[in-house]
N, C-alpha and C. Protein backbone atom coordinates (compact mmCIF):
# COMPACT_ATOMS: atom_id res chain seq x y z
N MET A 1 21.40 79.36 14.45
CA MET A 1 22.51 80.25 14.17
C MET A 1 23.24 79.85 12.89
N LEU A 2 23.58 78.55 12.80
CA LEU A 2 24.27 78.05 11.62
C LEU A 2 23.42 78.25 10.37
N ARG A 3 22.11 78.01 10.50
CA ARG A 3 21.21 78.16 9.36
C ARG A 3 21.18 79.62 8.88
N ARG A 4 21.17 80.57 9.80
CA ARG A 4 21.16 81.99 9.42
C ARG A 4 22.44 82.37 8.70
N ARG A 5 23.58 81.84 9.18
CA ARG A 5 24.86 82.14 8.53
C ARG A 5 24.87 81.57 7.12
N PHE A 6 24.38 80.34 6.95
CA PHE A 6 24.31 79.72 5.63
C PHE A 6 23.40 80.53 4.70
N ASP A 7 22.22 80.92 5.21
CA ASP A 7 21.29 81.73 4.40
C ASP A 7 21.93 83.05 3.99
N ALA A 8 22.69 83.66 4.88
CA ALA A 8 23.36 84.92 4.56
C ALA A 8 24.41 84.71 3.48
N GLN A 9 25.16 83.59 3.56
CA GLN A 9 26.17 83.31 2.54
C GLN A 9 25.52 83.07 1.18
N VAL A 10 24.43 82.32 1.15
CA VAL A 10 23.73 82.06 -0.10
C VAL A 10 23.19 83.37 -0.67
N SER A 11 22.65 84.21 0.17
CA SER A 11 22.12 85.50 -0.28
C SER A 11 23.23 86.35 -0.89
N GLN A 12 24.39 86.39 -0.24
CA GLN A 12 25.53 87.15 -0.74
C GLN A 12 26.02 86.59 -2.07
N MET A 13 26.11 85.26 -2.18
CA MET A 13 26.55 84.63 -3.43
C MET A 13 25.59 84.95 -4.57
N THR A 14 24.31 84.96 -4.28
CA THR A 14 23.31 85.25 -5.31
C THR A 14 23.48 86.67 -5.83
N LYS A 15 23.82 87.60 -4.95
CA LYS A 15 24.04 88.99 -5.36
C LYS A 15 25.27 89.10 -6.25
N LEU A 16 26.28 88.26 -5.99
CA LEU A 16 27.52 88.30 -6.76
C LEU A 16 27.46 87.46 -8.02
N GLU A 17 26.41 86.65 -8.16
CA GLU A 17 26.29 85.74 -9.30
C GLU A 17 26.38 86.53 -10.61
N PRO A 18 27.32 86.20 -11.48
CA PRO A 18 27.43 86.92 -12.74
C PRO A 18 26.24 86.63 -13.66
N GLN A 19 25.90 87.62 -14.45
CA GLN A 19 24.84 87.43 -15.43
C GLN A 19 25.39 86.60 -16.58
N LEU A 20 24.47 85.94 -17.29
CA LEU A 20 24.89 85.19 -18.47
C LEU A 20 25.14 86.19 -19.59
N THR A 21 26.41 86.50 -19.83
CA THR A 21 26.76 87.55 -20.77
C THR A 21 26.70 87.11 -22.22
N HIS A 22 26.54 85.83 -22.48
CA HIS A 22 26.46 85.36 -23.85
C HIS A 22 25.03 85.34 -24.38
N LEU A 23 24.11 85.94 -23.62
CA LEU A 23 22.72 86.04 -24.07
C LEU A 23 22.32 87.51 -24.13
N ASN A 24 21.58 87.87 -25.19
CA ASN A 24 21.08 89.23 -25.25
C ASN A 24 19.76 89.32 -24.48
N ALA A 25 19.11 90.48 -24.51
CA ALA A 25 17.88 90.69 -23.75
C ALA A 25 16.77 89.72 -24.17
N ALA A 26 16.79 89.28 -25.41
CA ALA A 26 15.77 88.35 -25.92
C ALA A 26 16.13 86.89 -25.63
N GLY A 27 17.31 86.66 -25.03
CA GLY A 27 17.73 85.30 -24.73
C GLY A 27 18.47 84.61 -25.87
N ASP A 28 18.80 85.36 -26.91
CA ASP A 28 19.54 84.81 -28.04
C ASP A 28 21.04 84.83 -27.76
N ALA A 29 21.74 83.82 -28.26
CA ALA A 29 23.19 83.75 -28.09
C ALA A 29 23.87 84.87 -28.86
N ARG A 30 24.91 85.42 -28.26
CA ARG A 30 25.70 86.48 -28.90
C ARG A 30 27.12 86.41 -28.40
N MET A 31 28.03 86.99 -29.16
CA MET A 31 29.40 87.08 -28.71
C MET A 31 29.51 88.31 -27.81
N VAL A 32 30.11 88.15 -26.65
CA VAL A 32 30.23 89.23 -25.68
C VAL A 32 31.08 90.36 -26.24
N ASP A 33 30.67 91.59 -25.97
CA ASP A 33 31.45 92.77 -26.37
C ASP A 33 32.52 93.02 -25.31
N VAL A 34 33.77 92.83 -25.66
CA VAL A 34 34.87 93.03 -24.72
C VAL A 34 35.65 94.31 -25.04
N SER A 35 35.13 95.15 -25.92
CA SER A 35 35.89 96.31 -26.38
C SER A 35 36.22 97.30 -25.27
N GLN A 36 35.43 97.33 -24.21
CA GLN A 36 35.69 98.28 -23.12
C GLN A 36 36.61 97.71 -22.04
N LYS A 37 36.95 96.44 -22.13
CA LYS A 37 37.81 95.83 -21.12
C LYS A 37 39.26 96.23 -21.36
N GLU A 38 40.01 96.28 -20.27
CA GLU A 38 41.44 96.58 -20.34
C GLU A 38 42.20 95.31 -20.73
N ASP A 39 43.26 95.48 -21.49
CA ASP A 39 44.15 94.36 -21.77
C ASP A 39 44.87 93.97 -20.48
N SER A 40 45.05 92.69 -20.27
CA SER A 40 45.85 92.22 -19.14
C SER A 40 46.51 90.90 -19.52
N ASP A 41 47.59 90.59 -18.82
CA ASP A 41 48.25 89.31 -19.03
C ASP A 41 47.32 88.22 -18.52
N ARG A 42 47.16 87.18 -19.31
CA ARG A 42 46.26 86.09 -18.95
C ARG A 42 46.95 84.76 -19.18
N ARG A 43 46.62 83.82 -18.31
CA ARG A 43 47.22 82.49 -18.37
C ARG A 43 46.19 81.49 -17.89
N ALA A 44 46.13 80.34 -18.55
CA ALA A 44 45.22 79.28 -18.12
C ALA A 44 45.91 77.94 -18.28
N VAL A 45 45.63 77.04 -17.34
CA VAL A 45 46.19 75.70 -17.35
C VAL A 45 45.04 74.70 -17.33
N ALA A 46 45.06 73.75 -18.25
CA ALA A 46 44.06 72.69 -18.30
C ALA A 46 44.76 71.35 -18.40
N THR A 47 44.09 70.32 -17.93
CA THR A 47 44.65 68.97 -18.02
C THR A 47 43.61 67.99 -18.58
N SER A 48 44.11 66.90 -19.08
CA SER A 48 43.28 65.79 -19.53
C SER A 48 44.09 64.52 -19.32
N SER A 49 43.40 63.41 -19.15
CA SER A 49 44.09 62.13 -18.95
C SER A 49 43.61 61.11 -19.97
N VAL A 50 44.52 60.23 -20.37
CA VAL A 50 44.17 59.12 -21.24
C VAL A 50 44.57 57.84 -20.49
N VAL A 51 43.57 57.04 -20.14
CA VAL A 51 43.82 55.78 -19.45
C VAL A 51 43.94 54.69 -20.50
N MET A 52 44.93 53.83 -20.33
CA MET A 52 45.20 52.81 -21.34
C MET A 52 45.78 51.56 -20.69
N HIS A 53 45.91 50.53 -21.48
CA HIS A 53 46.54 49.30 -21.01
C HIS A 53 48.02 49.58 -20.76
N GLU A 54 48.59 48.91 -19.79
CA GLU A 54 50.01 49.10 -19.47
C GLU A 54 50.91 48.85 -20.68
N ARG A 55 50.54 47.87 -21.52
CA ARG A 55 51.35 47.57 -22.72
C ARG A 55 51.33 48.76 -23.68
N THR A 56 50.21 49.43 -23.77
CA THR A 56 50.11 50.59 -24.66
C THR A 56 51.00 51.71 -24.16
N LEU A 57 50.95 51.98 -22.87
CA LEU A 57 51.82 53.01 -22.30
C LEU A 57 53.28 52.67 -22.55
N GLN A 58 53.63 51.44 -22.36
CA GLN A 58 55.02 51.02 -22.59
C GLN A 58 55.41 51.21 -24.06
N ALA A 59 54.52 50.85 -24.97
CA ALA A 59 54.81 51.03 -26.41
C ALA A 59 55.02 52.51 -26.74
N ILE A 60 54.22 53.38 -26.16
CA ILE A 60 54.37 54.82 -26.39
C ILE A 60 55.74 55.28 -25.89
N LEU A 61 56.08 54.91 -24.66
CA LEU A 61 57.33 55.37 -24.06
C LEU A 61 58.56 54.81 -24.77
N GLU A 62 58.42 53.61 -25.35
CA GLU A 62 59.54 53.00 -26.06
C GLU A 62 59.58 53.41 -27.54
N GLY A 63 58.58 54.16 -27.99
CA GLY A 63 58.53 54.56 -29.40
C GLY A 63 58.17 53.43 -30.33
N ASN A 64 57.36 52.48 -29.85
CA ASN A 64 57.00 51.31 -30.65
C ASN A 64 55.55 51.31 -31.12
N VAL A 65 54.96 52.47 -31.29
CA VAL A 65 53.60 52.54 -31.81
C VAL A 65 53.70 52.65 -33.34
N PRO A 66 52.99 51.77 -34.07
CA PRO A 66 53.11 51.73 -35.53
C PRO A 66 52.91 53.08 -36.24
N LYS A 67 52.04 53.94 -35.71
CA LYS A 67 51.78 55.22 -36.38
C LYS A 67 52.88 56.25 -36.18
N GLY A 68 53.78 56.02 -35.22
CA GLY A 68 54.88 56.97 -35.03
C GLY A 68 54.97 57.51 -33.62
N ASP A 69 55.57 58.69 -33.49
CA ASP A 69 55.85 59.33 -32.20
C ASP A 69 54.57 59.93 -31.62
N VAL A 70 53.92 59.19 -30.75
CA VAL A 70 52.63 59.58 -30.18
C VAL A 70 52.73 60.90 -29.43
N LEU A 71 53.75 61.05 -28.60
CA LEU A 71 53.87 62.25 -27.77
C LEU A 71 54.10 63.50 -28.60
N ALA A 72 54.93 63.41 -29.63
CA ALA A 72 55.19 64.57 -30.49
C ALA A 72 53.93 64.96 -31.25
N VAL A 73 53.21 63.98 -31.80
CA VAL A 73 51.99 64.28 -32.54
C VAL A 73 50.94 64.90 -31.62
N ALA A 74 50.80 64.37 -30.41
CA ALA A 74 49.81 64.90 -29.47
C ALA A 74 50.15 66.34 -29.07
N ARG A 75 51.43 66.62 -28.83
CA ARG A 75 51.83 68.00 -28.48
C ARG A 75 51.47 68.96 -29.61
N ILE A 76 51.82 68.61 -30.83
CA ILE A 76 51.53 69.49 -31.97
C ILE A 76 50.02 69.63 -32.16
N ALA A 77 49.27 68.55 -32.01
CA ALA A 77 47.81 68.61 -32.13
C ALA A 77 47.22 69.57 -31.10
N GLY A 78 47.72 69.51 -29.87
CA GLY A 78 47.23 70.41 -28.83
C GLY A 78 47.52 71.87 -29.14
N ILE A 79 48.73 72.14 -29.62
CA ILE A 79 49.10 73.51 -29.98
C ILE A 79 48.23 74.02 -31.11
N GLN A 80 48.06 73.20 -32.15
CA GLN A 80 47.21 73.60 -33.27
C GLN A 80 45.77 73.85 -32.82
N ALA A 81 45.27 73.01 -31.93
CA ALA A 81 43.90 73.15 -31.45
C ALA A 81 43.70 74.47 -30.71
N ALA A 82 44.65 74.84 -29.86
CA ALA A 82 44.54 76.11 -29.14
C ALA A 82 44.45 77.27 -30.12
N LYS A 83 45.23 77.21 -31.20
CA LYS A 83 45.22 78.28 -32.21
C LYS A 83 43.91 78.32 -32.99
N GLN A 84 43.16 77.23 -33.02
CA GLN A 84 41.91 77.15 -33.78
C GLN A 84 40.66 77.24 -32.90
N CYS A 85 40.82 77.53 -31.64
CA CYS A 85 39.70 77.47 -30.69
C CYS A 85 38.49 78.29 -31.15
N ALA A 86 38.70 79.49 -31.62
CA ALA A 86 37.57 80.34 -32.03
C ALA A 86 36.82 79.75 -33.23
N ASN A 87 37.47 78.90 -34.01
CA ASN A 87 36.80 78.24 -35.13
C ASN A 87 35.99 77.02 -34.67
N LEU A 88 36.31 76.51 -33.48
CA LEU A 88 35.64 75.32 -32.97
C LEU A 88 34.53 75.63 -31.99
N ILE A 89 34.71 76.64 -31.16
CA ILE A 89 33.75 77.01 -30.12
C ILE A 89 33.07 78.30 -30.58
N PRO A 90 31.79 78.24 -30.92
CA PRO A 90 31.13 79.34 -31.62
C PRO A 90 31.23 80.72 -30.99
N LEU A 91 31.20 80.86 -29.68
CA LEU A 91 31.18 82.19 -29.08
C LEU A 91 32.52 82.61 -28.49
N CYS A 92 33.59 81.88 -28.80
CA CYS A 92 34.93 82.27 -28.35
C CYS A 92 35.46 83.40 -29.22
N HIS A 93 36.15 84.32 -28.58
CA HIS A 93 36.81 85.38 -29.33
C HIS A 93 38.12 84.84 -29.91
N PRO A 94 38.46 85.22 -31.14
CA PRO A 94 39.78 84.85 -31.66
C PRO A 94 40.85 85.59 -30.86
N LEU A 95 41.85 84.88 -30.41
CA LEU A 95 42.89 85.49 -29.57
C LEU A 95 44.25 85.39 -30.23
N ALA A 96 45.06 86.39 -29.95
CA ALA A 96 46.47 86.34 -30.34
C ALA A 96 47.21 85.68 -29.19
N LEU A 97 47.43 84.39 -29.31
CA LEU A 97 48.12 83.66 -28.24
C LEU A 97 49.60 84.02 -28.24
N SER A 98 50.14 84.28 -27.06
CA SER A 98 51.57 84.56 -26.98
C SER A 98 52.38 83.31 -26.68
N SER A 99 51.70 82.29 -26.12
CA SER A 99 52.40 81.05 -25.81
C SER A 99 51.40 79.91 -25.65
N VAL A 100 51.76 78.75 -26.17
CA VAL A 100 51.01 77.52 -25.92
C VAL A 100 52.04 76.43 -25.65
N GLU A 101 51.91 75.80 -24.48
CA GLU A 101 52.79 74.69 -24.12
C GLU A 101 51.91 73.47 -23.83
N VAL A 102 52.29 72.35 -24.38
CA VAL A 102 51.60 71.10 -24.09
C VAL A 102 52.65 70.12 -23.58
N ALA A 103 52.47 69.71 -22.33
CA ALA A 103 53.38 68.75 -21.70
C ALA A 103 52.62 67.46 -21.45
N ILE A 104 53.27 66.35 -21.71
CA ILE A 104 52.63 65.04 -21.54
C ILE A 104 53.56 64.18 -20.68
N ARG A 105 52.99 63.63 -19.61
CA ARG A 105 53.81 62.79 -18.74
C ARG A 105 53.10 61.46 -18.49
N PRO A 106 53.89 60.40 -18.41
CA PRO A 106 53.30 59.10 -18.09
C PRO A 106 52.87 59.06 -16.63
N ASP A 107 51.82 58.31 -16.37
CA ASP A 107 51.34 58.09 -15.00
C ASP A 107 51.05 56.60 -14.86
N ALA A 108 51.95 55.90 -14.20
CA ALA A 108 51.82 54.44 -14.05
C ALA A 108 50.60 54.07 -13.22
N ASP A 109 50.12 54.98 -12.37
CA ASP A 109 48.96 54.68 -11.54
C ASP A 109 47.66 54.63 -12.34
N LEU A 110 47.59 55.34 -13.48
CA LEU A 110 46.36 55.30 -14.28
C LEU A 110 46.09 53.90 -14.83
N PRO A 111 46.87 53.22 -15.52
CA PRO A 111 48.06 53.66 -16.24
C PRO A 111 47.66 54.49 -17.46
N GLY A 112 48.54 55.41 -17.84
CA GLY A 112 48.24 56.23 -19.00
C GLY A 112 49.07 57.49 -19.03
N LEU A 113 48.51 58.50 -19.66
CA LEU A 113 49.19 59.78 -19.84
C LEU A 113 48.37 60.90 -19.24
N VAL A 114 49.07 61.88 -18.67
CA VAL A 114 48.44 63.11 -18.20
C VAL A 114 48.96 64.23 -19.08
N ILE A 115 48.03 64.98 -19.64
CA ILE A 115 48.36 66.07 -20.56
C ILE A 115 48.08 67.38 -19.86
N GLU A 116 49.03 68.30 -19.92
CA GLU A 116 48.85 69.63 -19.35
C GLU A 116 49.06 70.66 -20.46
N ALA A 117 48.08 71.55 -20.63
CA ALA A 117 48.18 72.61 -21.64
C ALA A 117 48.16 73.96 -20.94
N ILE A 118 49.14 74.79 -21.27
CA ILE A 118 49.24 76.13 -20.69
C ILE A 118 49.18 77.13 -21.84
N CYS A 119 48.22 78.04 -21.78
CA CYS A 119 48.08 79.08 -22.80
C CYS A 119 48.24 80.44 -22.15
N LYS A 120 48.88 81.35 -22.89
CA LYS A 120 49.07 82.72 -22.41
C LYS A 120 48.72 83.71 -23.51
N THR A 121 48.26 84.86 -23.07
CA THR A 121 48.01 85.97 -23.98
C THR A 121 48.01 87.26 -23.18
N CYS A 122 48.04 88.37 -23.86
CA CYS A 122 47.76 89.67 -23.24
C CYS A 122 46.58 90.22 -24.03
N GLY A 123 45.43 90.30 -23.38
CA GLY A 123 44.25 90.72 -24.11
C GLY A 123 43.08 91.02 -23.19
N LYS A 124 41.92 91.12 -23.82
CA LYS A 124 40.70 91.53 -23.13
C LYS A 124 39.87 90.36 -22.60
N THR A 125 40.22 89.16 -22.99
CA THR A 125 39.47 87.99 -22.53
C THR A 125 40.43 86.84 -22.28
N GLY A 126 39.99 85.90 -21.47
CA GLY A 126 40.86 84.83 -20.99
C GLY A 126 41.14 83.73 -22.01
N VAL A 127 42.04 82.85 -21.63
CA VAL A 127 42.48 81.76 -22.50
C VAL A 127 42.07 80.39 -21.96
N GLU A 128 41.04 80.36 -21.12
CA GLU A 128 40.59 79.10 -20.56
C GLU A 128 40.15 78.11 -21.64
N MET A 129 39.35 78.56 -22.60
CA MET A 129 38.86 77.66 -23.64
C MET A 129 40.00 77.16 -24.51
N GLU A 130 40.99 77.99 -24.74
CA GLU A 130 42.14 77.56 -25.55
C GLU A 130 42.92 76.47 -24.84
N SER A 131 43.13 76.62 -23.53
CA SER A 131 43.88 75.59 -22.82
C SER A 131 43.07 74.29 -22.72
N LEU A 132 41.77 74.40 -22.50
CA LEU A 132 40.92 73.20 -22.46
C LEU A 132 40.89 72.50 -23.80
N THR A 133 40.80 73.27 -24.87
CA THR A 133 40.78 72.70 -26.22
C THR A 133 42.11 72.00 -26.53
N ALA A 134 43.21 72.64 -26.14
CA ALA A 134 44.53 72.04 -26.38
C ALA A 134 44.66 70.70 -25.65
N ALA A 135 44.25 70.66 -24.39
CA ALA A 135 44.36 69.41 -23.62
C ALA A 135 43.46 68.32 -24.21
N ALA A 136 42.24 68.69 -24.57
CA ALA A 136 41.29 67.71 -25.10
C ALA A 136 41.74 67.15 -26.45
N VAL A 137 42.20 68.01 -27.33
CA VAL A 137 42.62 67.55 -28.66
C VAL A 137 43.93 66.77 -28.58
N ALA A 138 44.82 67.14 -27.68
CA ALA A 138 46.03 66.32 -27.49
C ALA A 138 45.64 64.91 -27.05
N ALA A 139 44.66 64.81 -26.16
CA ALA A 139 44.17 63.49 -25.73
C ALA A 139 43.55 62.73 -26.90
N LEU A 140 42.79 63.41 -27.72
CA LEU A 140 42.21 62.77 -28.91
C LEU A 140 43.30 62.28 -29.86
N ALA A 141 44.35 63.05 -29.99
CA ALA A 141 45.46 62.64 -30.86
C ALA A 141 46.14 61.37 -30.32
N VAL A 142 46.29 61.28 -29.00
CA VAL A 142 46.84 60.06 -28.40
C VAL A 142 45.94 58.89 -28.76
N TYR A 143 44.64 59.08 -28.60
CA TYR A 143 43.70 58.01 -28.92
C TYR A 143 43.83 57.60 -30.39
N ASP A 144 43.87 58.58 -31.28
CA ASP A 144 43.97 58.29 -32.71
C ASP A 144 45.25 57.52 -33.03
N MET A 145 46.34 57.90 -32.42
CA MET A 145 47.62 57.25 -32.71
C MET A 145 47.68 55.82 -32.18
N CYS A 146 46.89 55.53 -31.14
CA CYS A 146 47.02 54.22 -30.47
C CYS A 146 45.78 53.34 -30.57
N LYS A 147 44.74 53.79 -31.23
CA LYS A 147 43.48 53.03 -31.23
C LYS A 147 43.61 51.64 -31.86
N ALA A 148 44.54 51.47 -32.78
CA ALA A 148 44.71 50.15 -33.40
C ALA A 148 45.26 49.12 -32.41
N ILE A 149 46.04 49.57 -31.44
CA ILE A 149 46.60 48.62 -30.48
C ILE A 149 45.82 48.61 -29.16
N ASP A 150 44.98 49.64 -28.91
CA ASP A 150 44.24 49.70 -27.65
C ASP A 150 42.95 50.51 -27.82
N PRO A 151 41.92 49.91 -28.43
CA PRO A 151 40.67 50.66 -28.63
C PRO A 151 39.89 50.91 -27.34
N MET A 152 40.32 50.33 -26.22
CA MET A 152 39.62 50.48 -24.94
C MET A 152 40.10 51.70 -24.15
N MET A 153 41.00 52.51 -24.71
CA MET A 153 41.49 53.70 -23.99
C MET A 153 40.32 54.57 -23.58
N ILE A 154 40.50 55.31 -22.50
CA ILE A 154 39.47 56.21 -21.99
C ILE A 154 40.09 57.60 -21.83
N ILE A 155 39.45 58.59 -22.43
CA ILE A 155 39.83 59.99 -22.22
C ILE A 155 38.96 60.49 -21.08
N LYS A 156 39.61 61.05 -20.04
CA LYS A 156 38.81 61.48 -18.90
C LYS A 156 39.41 62.71 -18.23
N SER A 157 38.60 63.32 -17.41
CA SER A 157 39.03 64.41 -16.53
C SER A 157 39.65 65.59 -17.27
N THR A 158 39.08 65.98 -18.40
CA THR A 158 39.53 67.22 -19.04
C THR A 158 38.94 68.36 -18.22
N ARG A 159 39.84 69.19 -17.66
CA ARG A 159 39.36 70.23 -16.74
C ARG A 159 40.31 71.40 -16.65
N LEU A 160 39.76 72.54 -16.30
CA LEU A 160 40.57 73.72 -16.05
C LEU A 160 41.19 73.59 -14.67
N GLU A 161 42.49 73.79 -14.59
CA GLU A 161 43.19 73.69 -13.31
C GLU A 161 43.38 75.05 -12.66
N SER A 162 43.68 76.06 -13.47
CA SER A 162 43.89 77.41 -12.92
C SER A 162 43.79 78.44 -14.03
N LYS A 163 43.57 79.68 -13.59
CA LYS A 163 43.58 80.81 -14.52
C LYS A 163 44.11 82.02 -13.78
N GLU A 164 44.69 82.93 -14.54
CA GLU A 164 45.22 84.17 -13.98
C GLU A 164 44.89 85.30 -14.94
N GLY A 165 44.69 86.48 -14.36
CA GLY A 165 44.49 87.69 -15.15
C GLY A 165 43.04 88.09 -15.28
N GLY A 166 42.86 89.29 -15.78
CA GLY A 166 41.51 89.81 -15.97
C GLY A 166 40.90 90.31 -14.67
N LYS A 167 39.66 90.72 -14.77
CA LYS A 167 38.95 91.31 -13.63
C LYS A 167 38.79 90.33 -12.47
N SER A 168 38.58 89.06 -12.79
CA SER A 168 38.35 88.07 -11.73
C SER A 168 39.64 87.57 -11.09
N GLY A 169 40.80 87.93 -11.63
CA GLY A 169 42.06 87.59 -11.01
C GLY A 169 42.44 86.13 -11.10
N GLU A 170 43.00 85.60 -10.01
CA GLU A 170 43.48 84.22 -10.02
C GLU A 170 42.43 83.26 -9.51
N TRP A 171 42.47 82.08 -10.08
CA TRP A 171 41.59 80.99 -9.67
C TRP A 171 42.37 79.71 -9.80
N GLY A 172 42.24 78.82 -8.83
CA GLY A 172 42.88 77.52 -8.90
C GLY A 172 41.92 76.45 -8.40
N ARG A 173 41.99 75.29 -8.98
CA ARG A 173 41.10 74.19 -8.61
C ARG A 173 41.38 73.72 -7.20
N ASP A 174 40.32 73.50 -6.46
CA ASP A 174 40.41 72.89 -5.14
C ASP A 174 40.68 71.41 -5.37
N GLU A 175 41.69 70.88 -4.75
CA GLU A 175 42.11 69.49 -4.98
C GLU A 175 41.04 68.46 -4.61
N SER A 176 40.01 68.89 -3.88
CA SER A 176 38.96 67.93 -3.52
C SER A 176 37.99 67.69 -4.68
N CYS A 177 38.13 68.47 -5.75
CA CYS A 177 37.23 68.32 -6.91
C CYS A 177 37.71 67.23 -7.83
């Protein structure tokens, strides 16, 4: 009985499986045509973490990093990255972003920093790649600002946390992932 239910679920999922829209009939990469899609409000949240030595985290929080204000530089780097996403990711559509927020908070348990990037737009395609790019580049900026005092830092767990808008609606990460 359980096996039949599982097989039925797999069969249903296979029917719902989206086609790879970035490939044409010949299998060549292409930019998806979104001209027929309706505009909708869209929002995506991504995070990234930078694990570092406790002394490095303390230096950042106290403003004692020789290169300057790590958190301010990382926030600006993330915002700039979101605005440049279509130039970095070949098949991304250029978007008119209505908002980009990059928040960085210390996490003593890592120890390190957790970066959250939130991007918004009203358009025909989502802002997931923009939020992921913002979080990743903000993490890279932290690394660049602190590599002289802590070259062992680790950038990890860059991931999409949630998205809203468009045909697929809302999605949020299951905390077990």
